Amino acid sequence: MYKKILLALLFAFIVIGASSAAEFKINEGFTPQTEYYSVNEENGMHLCTWDYEDELNQEFYLQNSSDYRIVAGDNNTYNITEDINGELADTISYLTSGNAGLNYGVLEIVEADGEKQIIYAYMESASPDDWKACYDELMKFNENNNLEPIADAI
């Protein structure tokens, strides 16, 4: 129950927090679902953008918890592992698909139009190998939008 409430809060945070995010060019192959959330159906990758707000982001996305791990990655990005399913669902996913059903992604903080923004590329029910694909997609996004991750953002 706690996880469902937290997920609902995180989703609301993305939708509400994104309400003033900068406008970005979306990578090829991605279909916008909302103004700040796009999906690439072919590879199952998600791309989110939202405004950086110190207190809210520190509490929900920029610190470790029992279901969420963030570690420094390449080029001032952060590798994310998120368990949104629970142990039983992870076990079933592992038995049926060979992975633990975790979300893997790469997050960065950039400055656009004078404001800090969070850009997050992730894949659901993925594997650690998918960090590279998320990182590569994030670097394409940066190139398309002339962005650089902020050093030591967390």
Foldseek 3Di string as FASTA:
>chain_A
DVLVVLVVVVVCCQVVQAPPWDQFDADPQWDDPDRAWTARVVVQKIKGKGFDDPPVCVVRPVDDDPFKDWDADPQQKIKIKGDSDDQVCLVVLCVPPVGSFIKIWIWFWWADPNGIMIMIMIHTGDDPVCHVVRVVSVVVRCVRGVIGGDHPPD
